[in-house]
All heavy atoms as atom14 arrays in JSON, in Angstrom:
{
  "sequence": "KCFNDISKILTINSLVILRSTIPVGSSRTKFIPLIENKTKLKCGLDW",
  "atom14_mask": [
    [1, 1, 1, 1, 1, 1, 1, 1, 1, 0, 0, 0, 0, 0],
    [1, 1, 1, 1, 1, 1, 0, 0, 0, 0, 0, 0, 0, 0],
    [1, 1, 1, 1, 1, 1, 1, 1, 1, 1, 1, 0, 0, 0],
    [1, 1, 1, 1, 1, 1, 1, 1, 0, 0, 0, 0, 0, 0],
    [1, 1, 1, 1, 1, 1, 1, 1, 0, 0, 0, 0, 0, 0],
    [1, 1, 1, 1, 1, 1, 1, 1, 0, 0, 0, 0, 0, 0],
    [1, 1, 1, 1, 1, 1, 0, 0, 0, 0, 0, 0, 0, 0],
    [1, 1, 1, 1, 1, 1, 1, 1, 1, 0, 0, 0, 0, 0],
    [1, 1, 1, 1, 1, 1, 1, 1, 0, 0, 0, 0, 0, 0],
    [1, 1, 1, 1, 1, 1, 1, 1, 0, 0, 0, 0, 0, 0],
    [1, 1, 1, 1, 1, 1, 1, 0, 0, 0, 0, 0, 0, 0],
    [1, 1, 1, 1, 1, 1, 1, 1, 0, 0, 0, 0, 0, 0],
    [1, 1, 1, 1, 1, 1, 1, 1, 0, 0, 0, 0, 0, 0],
    [1, 1, 1, 1, 1, 1, 0, 0, 0, 0, 0, 0, 0, 0],
    [1, 1, 1, 1, 1, 1, 1, 1, 0, 0, 0, 0, 0, 0],
    [1, 1, 1, 1, 1, 1, 1, 0, 0, 0, 0, 0, 0, 0],
    [1, 1, 1, 1, 1, 1, 1, 1, 0, 0, 0, 0, 0, 0],
    [1, 1, 1, 1, 1, 1, 1, 1, 0, 0, 0, 0, 0, 0],
    [1, 1, 1, 1, 1, 1, 1, 1, 1, 1, 1, 0, 0, 0],
    [1, 1, 1, 1, 1, 1, 0, 0, 0, 0, 0, 0, 0, 0],
    [1, 1, 1, 1, 1, 1, 1, 0, 0, 0, 0, 0, 0, 0],
    [1, 1, 1, 1, 1, 1, 1, 1, 0, 0, 0, 0, 0, 0],
    [1, 1, 1, 1, 1, 1, 1, 0, 0, 0, 0, 0, 0, 0],
    [1, 1, 1, 1, 1, 1, 1, 0, 0, 0, 0, 0, 0, 0],
    [1, 1, 1, 1, 0, 0, 0, 0, 0, 0, 0, 0, 0, 0],
    [1, 1, 1, 1, 1, 1, 0, 0, 0, 0, 0, 0, 0, 0],
    [1, 1, 1, 1, 1, 1, 0, 0, 0, 0, 0, 0, 0, 0],
    [1, 1, 1, 1, 1, 1, 1, 1, 1, 1, 1, 0, 0, 0],
    [1, 1, 1, 1, 1, 1, 1, 0, 0, 0, 0, 0, 0, 0],
    [1, 1, 1, 1, 1, 1, 1, 1, 1, 0, 0, 0, 0, 0],
    [1, 1, 1, 1, 1, 1, 1, 1, 1, 1, 1, 0, 0, 0],
    [1, 1, 1, 1, 1, 1, 1, 1, 0, 0, 0, 0, 0, 0],
    [1, 1, 1, 1, 1, 1, 1, 0, 0, 0, 0, 0, 0, 0],
    [1, 1, 1, 1, 1, 1, 1, 1, 0, 0, 0, 0, 0, 0],
    [1, 1, 1, 1, 1, 1, 1, 1, 0, 0, 0, 0, 0, 0],
    [1, 1, 1, 1, 1, 1, 1, 1, 1, 0, 0, 0, 0, 0],
    [1, 1, 1, 1, 1, 1, 1, 1, 0, 0, 0, 0, 0, 0],
    [1, 1, 1, 1, 1, 1, 1, 1, 1, 0, 0, 0, 0, 0],
    [1, 1, 1, 1, 1, 1, 1, 0, 0, 0, 0, 0, 0, 0],
    [1, 1, 1, 1, 1, 1, 1, 1, 1, 0, 0, 0, 0, 0],
    [1, 1, 1, 1, 1, 1, 1, 1, 0, 0, 0, 0, 0, 0],
    [1, 1, 1, 1, 1, 1, 1, 1, 1, 0, 0, 0, 0, 0],
    [1, 1, 1, 1, 1, 1, 0, 0, 0, 0, 0, 0, 0, 0],
    [1, 1, 1, 1, 0, 0, 0, 0, 0, 0, 0, 0, 0, 0],
    [1, 1, 1, 1, 1, 1, 1, 1, 0, 0, 0, 0, 0, 0],
    [1, 1, 1, 1, 1, 1, 1, 1, 0, 0, 0, 0, 0, 0],
    [1, 1, 1, 1, 1, 1, 1, 1, 1, 1, 1, 1, 1, 1]
  ],
  "atom14_positions": [
    [[5.63, -4.37, -8.04], [7.02, -4.05, -7.74], [7.11, -2.68, -7.07], [7.85, -2.5, -6.1], [7.88, -4.07, -8.99], [9.34, -3.77, -8.65], [10.26, -3.77, -9.8], [11.69, -3.48, -9.44], [11.99, -2.78, -8.22], [0.0, 0.0, 0.0], [0.0, 0.0, 0.0], [0.0, 0.0, 0.0], [0.0, 0.0, 0.0], [0.0, 0.0, 0.0]],
    [[6.34, -1.7, -7.55], [6.33, -0.38, -6.93], [5.87, -0.45, -5.48], [6.47, 0.17, -4.61], [5.43, 0.58, -7.7], [6.07, 1.04, -9.31], [0.0, 0.0, 0.0], [0.0, 0.0, 0.0], [0.0, 0.0, 0.0], [0.0, 0.0, 0.0], [0.0, 0.0, 0.0], [0.0, 0.0, 0.0], [0.0, 0.0, 0.0], [0.0, 0.0, 0.0]],
    [[4.81, -1.21, -5.24], [4.3, -1.32, -3.87], [5.32, -2.02, -2.96], [5.46, -1.65, -1.79], [2.94, -2.01, -3.85], [1.8, -1.04, -4.04], [1.57, -0.44, -5.26], [0.97, -0.72, -2.98], [0.55, 0.47, -5.44], [-0.07, 0.19, -3.15], [-0.28, 0.79, -4.38], [0.0, 0.0, 0.0], [0.0, 0.0, 0.0], [0.0, 0.0, 0.0]],
    [[6.05, -2.99, -3.49], [7.13, -3.61, -2.73], [8.19, -2.58, -2.37], [8.66, -2.52, -1.24], [7.77, -4.76, -3.52], [7.04, -6.07, -3.29], [6.74, -6.44, -2.17], [6.75, -6.76, -4.37], [0.0, 0.0, 0.0], [0.0, 0.0, 0.0], [0.0, 0.0, 0.0], [0.0, 0.0, 0.0], [0.0, 0.0, 0.0], [0.0, 0.0, 0.0]],
    [[8.58, -1.76, -3.36], [9.57, -0.71, -3.11], [9.06, 0.31, -2.1], [9.8, 0.73, -1.2], [9.94, 0.0, -4.41], [10.82, -0.84, -5.33], [11.25, -1.94, -4.91], [11.05, -0.42, -6.48], [0.0, 0.0, 0.0], [0.0, 0.0, 0.0], [0.0, 0.0, 0.0], [0.0, 0.0, 0.0], [0.0, 0.0, 0.0], [0.0, 0.0, 0.0]],
    [[7.81, 0.7, -2.23], [7.22, 1.67, -1.31], [7.22, 1.12, 0.11], [7.52, 1.83, 1.07], [5.8, 2.07, -1.75], [5.86, 2.9, -3.04], [5.07, 2.83, -0.64], [4.52, 3.08, -3.73], [0.0, 0.0, 0.0], [0.0, 0.0, 0.0], [0.0, 0.0, 0.0], [0.0, 0.0, 0.0], [0.0, 0.0, 0.0], [0.0, 0.0, 0.0]],
    [[6.91, -0.16, 0.26], [6.84, -0.76, 1.6], [8.17, -0.68, 2.34], [8.2, -0.69, 3.57], [6.37, -2.21, 1.52], [7.38, -3.05, 0.99], [0.0, 0.0, 0.0], [0.0, 0.0, 0.0], [0.0, 0.0, 0.0], [0.0, 0.0, 0.0], [0.0, 0.0, 0.0], [0.0, 0.0, 0.0], [0.0, 0.0, 0.0], [0.0, 0.0, 0.0]],
    [[9.27, -0.55, 1.61], [10.6, -0.47, 2.24], [10.91, 0.91, 2.79], [11.8, 1.06, 3.63], [11.68, -0.88, 1.23], [11.57, -2.33, 0.8], [12.52, -2.64, -0.32], [12.26, -4.06, -0.83], [12.98, -4.32, -2.08], [0.0, 0.0, 0.0], [0.0, 0.0, 0.0], [0.0, 0.0, 0.0], [0.0, 0.0, 0.0], [0.0, 0.0, 0.0]],
    [[10.19, 1.94, 2.32], [10.5, 3.31, 2.77], [9.27, 4.05, 3.32], [9.4, 5.18, 3.79], [11.15, 4.14, 1.63], [10.3, 4.14, 0.36], [12.55, 3.63, 1.35], [10.85, 4.99, -0.78], [0.0, 0.0, 0.0], [0.0, 0.0, 0.0], [0.0, 0.0, 0.0], [0.0, 0.0, 0.0], [0.0, 0.0, 0.0], [0.0, 0.0, 0.0]],
    [[8.12, 3.42, 3.31], [6.89, 4.03, 3.81], [7.0, 4.24, 5.33], [7.5, 3.37, 6.04], [5.69, 3.13, 3.49], [4.34, 3.65, 3.93], [3.43, 3.75, 2.72], [3.73, 2.74, 4.95], [0.0, 0.0, 0.0], [0.0, 0.0, 0.0], [0.0, 0.0, 0.0], [0.0, 0.0, 0.0], [0.0, 0.0, 0.0], [0.0, 0.0, 0.0]],
    [[6.54, 5.39, 5.79], [6.55, 5.69, 7.22], [5.16, 6.15, 7.65], [4.26, 6.34, 6.82], [7.58, 6.8, 7.54], [7.25, 7.97, 6.78], [8.99, 6.35, 7.22], [0.0, 0.0, 0.0], [0.0, 0.0, 0.0], [0.0, 0.0, 0.0], [0.0, 0.0, 0.0], [0.0, 0.0, 0.0], [0.0, 0.0, 0.0], [0.0, 0.0, 0.0]],
    [[5.0, 6.35, 8.95], [3.73, 6.82, 9.51], [3.29, 8.09, 8.78], [4.1, 8.98, 8.5], [3.88, 7.11, 11.02], [4.21, 5.83, 11.79], [2.63, 7.77, 11.6], [3.07, 4.85, 11.96], [0.0, 0.0, 0.0], [0.0, 0.0, 0.0], [0.0, 0.0, 0.0], [0.0, 0.0, 0.0], [0.0, 0.0, 0.0], [0.0, 0.0, 0.0]],
    [[1.99, 8.17, 8.5], [1.35, 9.31, 7.83], [1.72, 9.5, 6.37], [1.49, 10.56, 5.8], [1.58, 10.62, 8.61], [0.87, 10.61, 9.94], [-0.23, 10.08, 10.05], [1.5, 11.16, 10.95], [0.0, 0.0, 0.0], [0.0, 0.0, 0.0], [0.0, 0.0, 0.0], [0.0, 0.0, 0.0], [0.0, 0.0, 0.0], [0.0, 0.0, 0.0]],
    [[2.3, 8.47, 5.75], [2.57, 8.53, 4.31], [1.26, 8.4, 3.54], [0.25, 7.89, 4.05], [3.5, 7.39, 3.9], [4.79, 7.58, 4.4], [0.0, 0.0, 0.0], [0.0, 0.0, 0.0], [0.0, 0.0, 0.0], [0.0, 0.0, 0.0], [0.0, 0.0, 0.0], [0.0, 0.0, 0.0], [0.0, 0.0, 0.0], [0.0, 0.0, 0.0]],
    [[1.31, 8.86, 2.3], [0.17, 8.77, 1.39], [0.63, 8.04, 0.13], [1.62, 8.43, -0.48], [-0.34, 10.17, 1.02], [-1.39, 10.26, -0.09], [-2.68, 9.55, 0.31], [-1.66, 11.73, -0.44], [0.0, 0.0, 0.0], [0.0, 0.0, 0.0], [0.0, 0.0, 0.0], [0.0, 0.0, 0.0], [0.0, 0.0, 0.0], [0.0, 0.0, 0.0]],
    [[-0.11, 7.0, -0.26], [0.15, 6.27, -1.49], [-1.01, 6.54, -2.43], [-2.17, 6.32, -2.07], [0.3, 4.75, -1.24], [0.52, 4.0, -2.55], [1.42, 4.47, -0.25], [0.0, 0.0, 0.0], [0.0, 0.0, 0.0], [0.0, 0.0, 0.0], [0.0, 0.0, 0.0], [0.0, 0.0, 0.0], [0.0, 0.0, 0.0], [0.0, 0.0, 0.0]],
    [[-0.7, 7.04, -3.62], [-1.72, 7.33, -4.63], [-1.47, 6.41, -5.82], [-0.38, 6.42, -6.39], [-1.66, 8.8, -5.08], [-1.85, 9.74, -3.88], [-2.71, 9.08, -6.16], [-1.59, 11.2, -4.18], [0.0, 0.0, 0.0], [0.0, 0.0, 0.0], [0.0, 0.0, 0.0], [0.0, 0.0, 0.0], [0.0, 0.0, 0.0], [0.0, 0.0, 0.0]],
    [[-2.46, 5.64, -6.18], [-2.36, 4.73, -7.32], [-3.13, 5.32, -8.49], [-4.35, 5.53, -8.41], [-2.91, 3.36, -6.95], [-2.9, 2.3, -8.04], [-1.5, 2.07, -8.61], [-3.48, 0.99, -7.5], [0.0, 0.0, 0.0], [0.0, 0.0, 0.0], [0.0, 0.0, 0.0], [0.0, 0.0, 0.0], [0.0, 0.0, 0.0], [0.0, 0.0, 0.0]],
    [[-2.42, 5.63, -9.58], [-3.04, 6.21, -10.78], [-3.04, 5.22, -11.94], [-3.59, 5.5, -12.99], [-2.32, 7.5, -11.18], [-2.46, 8.58, -10.11], [-2.08, 9.93, -10.6], [-3.14, 10.44, -11.47], [-2.95, 11.33, -12.42], [-1.76, 11.81, -12.67], [-3.96, 11.75, -13.15], [0.0, 0.0, 0.0], [0.0, 0.0, 0.0], [0.0, 0.0, 0.0]],
    [[-2.38, 4.08, -11.77], [-2.35, 3.06, -12.81], [-3.71, 2.37, -12.9], [-4.42, 2.23, -11.91], [-1.28, 2.01, -12.51], [0.0, 2.6, -12.44], [0.0, 0.0, 0.0], [0.0, 0.0, 0.0], [0.0, 0.0, 0.0], [0.0, 0.0, 0.0], [0.0, 0.0, 0.0], [0.0, 0.0, 0.0], [0.0, 0.0, 0.0], [0.0, 0.0, 0.0]],
    [[-4.04, 1.91, -14.1], [-5.3, 1.18, -14.31], [-5.11, -0.26, -13.84], [-4.22, -0.96, -14.32], [-5.69, 1.21, -15.79], [-5.76, 2.58, -16.21], [-7.02, 0.53, -16.03], [0.0, 0.0, 0.0], [0.0, 0.0, 0.0], [0.0, 0.0, 0.0], [0.0, 0.0, 0.0], [0.0, 0.0, 0.0], [0.0, 0.0, 0.0], [0.0, 0.0, 0.0]],
    [[-5.96, -0.68, -12.91], [-5.86, -2.03, -12.35], [-7.24, -2.68, -12.3], [-8.26, -1.98, -12.37], [-5.25, -2.01, -10.93], [-6.09, -1.13, -10.0], [-3.81, -1.53, -10.96], [-5.75, -1.25, -8.54], [0.0, 0.0, 0.0], [0.0, 0.0, 0.0], [0.0, 0.0, 0.0], [0.0, 0.0, 0.0], [0.0, 0.0, 0.0], [0.0, 0.0, 0.0]],
    [[-7.31, -4.01, -12.19], [-8.61, -4.67, -12.08], [-9.37, -4.22, -10.82], [-8.77, -3.94, -9.79], [-8.26, -6.15, -11.99], [-6.9, -6.26, -12.62], [-6.21, -4.97, -12.28], [0.0, 0.0, 0.0], [0.0, 0.0, 0.0], [0.0, 0.0, 0.0], [0.0, 0.0, 0.0], [0.0, 0.0, 0.0], [0.0, 0.0, 0.0], [0.0, 0.0, 0.0]],
    [[-10.68, -4.17, -10.93], [-11.54, -3.78, -9.81], [-11.23, -4.66, -8.59], [-11.13, -5.87, -8.7], [-13.03, -3.91, -10.2], [-13.94, -3.67, -9.0], [-13.36, -2.96, -11.33], [0.0, 0.0, 0.0], [0.0, 0.0, 0.0], [0.0, 0.0, 0.0], [0.0, 0.0, 0.0], [0.0, 0.0, 0.0], [0.0, 0.0, 0.0], [0.0, 0.0, 0.0]],
    [[-11.08, -4.03, -7.46], [-10.84, -4.74, -6.2], [-9.38, -5.01, -5.88], [-9.06, -5.44, -4.78], [0.0, 0.0, 0.0], [0.0, 0.0, 0.0], [0.0, 0.0, 0.0], [0.0, 0.0, 0.0], [0.0, 0.0, 0.0], [0.0, 0.0, 0.0], [0.0, 0.0, 0.0], [0.0, 0.0, 0.0], [0.0, 0.0, 0.0], [0.0, 0.0, 0.0]],
    [[-8.48, -4.75, -6.82], [-7.05, -5.05, -6.6], [-6.45, -4.24, -5.46], [-5.57, -4.72, -4.75], [-6.24, -4.81, -7.87], [-6.66, -5.65, -8.9], [0.0, 0.0, 0.0], [0.0, 0.0, 0.0], [0.0, 0.0, 0.0], [0.0, 0.0, 0.0], [0.0, 0.0, 0.0], [0.0, 0.0, 0.0], [0.0, 0.0, 0.0], [0.0, 0.0, 0.0]],
    [[-6.87, -3.0, -5.32], [-6.35, -2.18, -4.21], [-6.64, -2.86, -2.88], [-5.76, -3.02, -2.04], [-6.98, -0.79, -4.23], [-6.64, -0.09, -5.38], [0.0, 0.0, 0.0], [0.0, 0.0, 0.0], [0.0, 0.0, 0.0], [0.0, 0.0, 0.0], [0.0, 0.0, 0.0], [0.0, 0.0, 0.0], [0.0, 0.0, 0.0], [0.0, 0.0, 0.0]],
    [[-7.88, -3.25, -2.72], [-8.35, -3.82, -1.47], [-7.79, -5.23, -1.21], [-7.46, -5.58, -0.09], [-9.88, -3.84, -1.48], [-10.55, -4.3, -0.23], [-12.08, -4.2, -0.32], [-12.66, -4.87, -1.47], [-13.09, -4.27, -2.59], [-12.99, -2.97, -2.72], [-13.6, -4.96, -3.58], [0.0, 0.0, 0.0], [0.0, 0.0, 0.0], [0.0, 0.0, 0.0]],
    [[-7.68, -6.03, -2.28], [-7.29, -7.43, -2.09], [-5.8, -7.7, -2.25], [-5.3, -8.7, -1.73], [-8.04, -8.34, -3.07], [-7.69, -7.96, -4.42], [-9.55, -8.25, -2.88], [0.0, 0.0, 0.0], [0.0, 0.0, 0.0], [0.0, 0.0, 0.0], [0.0, 0.0, 0.0], [0.0, 0.0, 0.0], [0.0, 0.0, 0.0], [0.0, 0.0, 0.0]],
    [[-5.08, -6.82, -2.95], [-3.68, -7.1, -3.22], [-2.72, -6.02, -2.73], [-1.79, -6.31, -1.99], [-3.47, -7.32, -4.72], [-2.06, -7.72, -5.06], [-2.01, -8.44, -6.38], [-0.67, -9.03, -6.65], [-0.4, -10.29, -6.02], [0.0, 0.0, 0.0], [0.0, 0.0, 0.0], [0.0, 0.0, 0.0], [0.0, 0.0, 0.0], [0.0, 0.0, 0.0]],
    [[-2.93, -4.78, -3.14], [-1.91, -3.75, -2.92], [-1.89, -3.2, -1.5], [-0.81, -3.03, -0.92], [-2.05, -2.65, -3.97], [-1.86, -3.18, -5.36], [-2.87, -3.09, -6.3], [-0.69, -3.82, -5.71], [-2.7, -3.6, -7.57], [-0.5, -4.34, -6.98], [-1.51, -4.23, -7.92], [0.0, 0.0, 0.0], [0.0, 0.0, 0.0], [0.0, 0.0, 0.0]],
    [[-3.03, -2.9, -0.93], [-3.05, -2.44, 0.46], [-2.53, -3.54, 1.39], [-1.66, -3.27, 2.22], [-4.46, -1.92, 0.86], [-4.76, -0.62, 0.11], [-4.55, -1.73, 2.38], [-6.18, -0.13, 0.26], [0.0, 0.0, 0.0], [0.0, 0.0, 0.0], [0.0, 0.0, 0.0], [0.0, 0.0, 0.0], [0.0, 0.0, 0.0], [0.0, 0.0, 0.0]],
    [[-3.02, -4.79, 1.25], [-2.48, -5.86, 2.12], [-0.98, -6.09, 1.92], [-0.28, -6.43, 2.89], [-3.28, -7.1, 1.69], [-4.54, -6.57, 1.13], [-4.17, -5.26, 0.48], [0.0, 0.0, 0.0], [0.0, 0.0, 0.0], [0.0, 0.0, 0.0], [0.0, 0.0, 0.0], [0.0, 0.0, 0.0], [0.0, 0.0, 0.0], [0.0, 0.0, 0.0]],
    [[-0.47, -5.88, 0.73], [0.96, -6.06, 0.49], [1.77, -5.13, 1.39], [2.7, -5.57, 2.08], [1.27, -5.79, -0.99], [2.7, -6.06, -1.47], [2.67, -6.38, -2.96], [3.63, -4.92, -1.22], [0.0, 0.0, 0.0], [0.0, 0.0, 0.0], [0.0, 0.0, 0.0], [0.0, 0.0, 0.0], [0.0, 0.0, 0.0], [0.0, 0.0, 0.0]],
    [[1.4, -3.86, 1.42], [2.12, -2.9, 2.27], [1.86, -3.2, 3.75], [2.79, -3.18, 4.57], [1.74, -1.45, 1.93], [2.35, -1.07, 0.57], [2.21, -0.48, 3.01], [2.04, 0.34, 0.09], [0.0, 0.0, 0.0], [0.0, 0.0, 0.0], [0.0, 0.0, 0.0], [0.0, 0.0, 0.0], [0.0, 0.0, 0.0], [0.0, 0.0, 0.0]],
    [[0.62, -3.5, 4.11], [0.32, -3.79, 5.51], [1.11, -4.99, 6.02], [1.64, -4.96, 7.14], [-1.18, -4.04, 5.69], [-2.01, -2.79, 5.58], [-3.49, -3.02, 5.78], [-3.98, -4.15, 5.51], [-4.16, -2.07, 6.21], [0.0, 0.0, 0.0], [0.0, 0.0, 0.0], [0.0, 0.0, 0.0], [0.0, 0.0, 0.0], [0.0, 0.0, 0.0]],
    [[1.21, -6.04, 5.22], [1.94, -7.24, 5.65], [3.44, -7.0, 5.77], [4.08, -7.56, 6.65], [1.68, -8.4, 4.67], [0.25, -8.88, 4.75], [-0.41, -8.74, 5.77], [-0.24, -9.45, 3.66], [0.0, 0.0, 0.0], [0.0, 0.0, 0.0], [0.0, 0.0, 0.0], [0.0, 0.0, 0.0], [0.0, 0.0, 0.0], [0.0, 0.0, 0.0]],
    [[4.0, -6.18, 4.91], [5.45, -5.94, 4.95], [5.85, -4.91, 6.0], [6.96, -4.95, 6.51], [5.94, -5.51, 3.57], [5.93, -6.65, 2.56], [6.53, -6.21, 1.25], [6.53, -7.34, 0.26], [7.65, -8.25, 0.44], [0.0, 0.0, 0.0], [0.0, 0.0, 0.0], [0.0, 0.0, 0.0], [0.0, 0.0, 0.0], [0.0, 0.0, 0.0]],
    [[4.95, -3.98, 6.32], [5.3, -2.89, 7.25], [4.67, -3.04, 8.63], [5.1, -2.4, 9.58], [4.87, -1.53, 6.7], [3.44, -1.51, 6.61], [5.49, -1.26, 5.35], [0.0, 0.0, 0.0], [0.0, 0.0, 0.0], [0.0, 0.0, 0.0], [0.0, 0.0, 0.0], [0.0, 0.0, 0.0], [0.0, 0.0, 0.0], [0.0, 0.0, 0.0]],
    [[3.6, -3.81, 8.7], [2.79, -3.92, 9.92], [2.06, -2.63, 10.25], [1.54, -2.45, 11.35], [3.61, -4.39, 11.13], [4.35, -5.69, 10.91], [3.42, -6.82, 10.53], [4.19, -8.11, 10.32], [3.59, -8.98, 9.33], [0.0, 0.0, 0.0], [0.0, 0.0, 0.0], [0.0, 0.0, 0.0], [0.0, 0.0, 0.0], [0.0, 0.0, 0.0]],
    [[2.02, -1.7, 9.29], [1.28, -0.45, 9.45], [-0.09, -0.62, 8.8], [-0.21, -1.21, 7.73], [2.03, 0.71, 8.8], [3.42, 1.02, 9.36], [4.1, 2.1, 8.53], [3.34, 1.44, 10.82], [0.0, 0.0, 0.0], [0.0, 0.0, 0.0], [0.0, 0.0, 0.0], [0.0, 0.0, 0.0], [0.0, 0.0, 0.0], [0.0, 0.0, 0.0]],
    [[-1.14, -0.09, 9.43], [-2.51, -0.25, 8.94], [-2.93, 0.94, 8.09], [-2.81, 2.09, 8.49], [-3.49, -0.39, 10.11], [-3.32, -1.66, 10.92], [-3.42, -2.91, 10.09], [-4.77, -3.54, 10.17], [-4.9, -4.67, 9.25], [0.0, 0.0, 0.0], [0.0, 0.0, 0.0], [0.0, 0.0, 0.0], [0.0, 0.0, 0.0], [0.0, 0.0, 0.0]],
    [[-3.47, 0.61, 6.93], [-4.01, 1.62, 6.03], [-5.21, 2.29, 6.68], [-6.07, 1.62, 7.25], [-4.4, 0.98, 4.7], [-5.0, 2.17, 3.48], [0.0, 0.0, 0.0], [0.0, 0.0, 0.0], [0.0, 0.0, 0.0], [0.0, 0.0, 0.0], [0.0, 0.0, 0.0], [0.0, 0.0, 0.0], [0.0, 0.0, 0.0], [0.0, 0.0, 0.0]],
    [[-5.27, 3.61, 6.61], [-6.37, 4.36, 7.21], [-6.06, 4.81, 8.63], [-6.68, 5.74, 9.13], [0.0, 0.0, 0.0], [0.0, 0.0, 0.0], [0.0, 0.0, 0.0], [0.0, 0.0, 0.0], [0.0, 0.0, 0.0], [0.0, 0.0, 0.0], [0.0, 0.0, 0.0], [0.0, 0.0, 0.0], [0.0, 0.0, 0.0], [0.0, 0.0, 0.0]],
    [[-5.11, 4.15, 9.27], [-4.68, 4.54, 10.61], [-3.26, 5.1, 10.59], [-3.0, 6.2, 11.06], [-4.74, 3.36, 11.57], [-6.11, 2.79, 11.89], [-6.0, 1.53, 12.74], [-6.94, 3.84, 12.63], [0.0, 0.0, 0.0], [0.0, 0.0, 0.0], [0.0, 0.0, 0.0], [0.0, 0.0, 0.0], [0.0, 0.0, 0.0], [0.0, 0.0, 0.0]],
    [[-2.34, 4.3, 10.05], [-0.93, 4.66, 10.05], [-0.47, 5.31, 8.75], [0.49, 6.07, 8.73], [-0.06, 3.41, 10.28], [-0.42, 2.71, 11.59], [-0.55, 3.41, 12.61], [-0.57, 1.48, 11.57], [0.0, 0.0, 0.0], [0.0, 0.0, 0.0], [0.0, 0.0, 0.0], [0.0, 0.0, 0.0], [0.0, 0.0, 0.0], [0.0, 0.0, 0.0]],
    [[-1.11, 4.95, 7.66], [-0.8, 5.51, 6.34], [-2.08, 5.57, 5.54], [-3.1, 5.0, 5.94], [0.3, 4.7, 5.63], [-0.06, 3.28, 5.31], [-0.04, 2.22, 6.17], [-0.51, 2.75, 4.06], [-0.45, 1.08, 5.53], [-0.73, 1.37, 4.24], [-0.73, 3.31, 2.81], [-1.18, 0.53, 3.21], [-1.17, 2.47, 1.78], [-1.39, 1.11, 1.99]]
  ]
}
């Protein structure tokens, strides 16, 4: 839900820091793609 909310206000050069405990690989397979798909911005390039 947080990542959905972030995707609505994230802009170029934003930084997202995840401090919650999540299963291994979730950042790569779920959370980064969630923002990329909703914003069309690429992690590592745009944010």
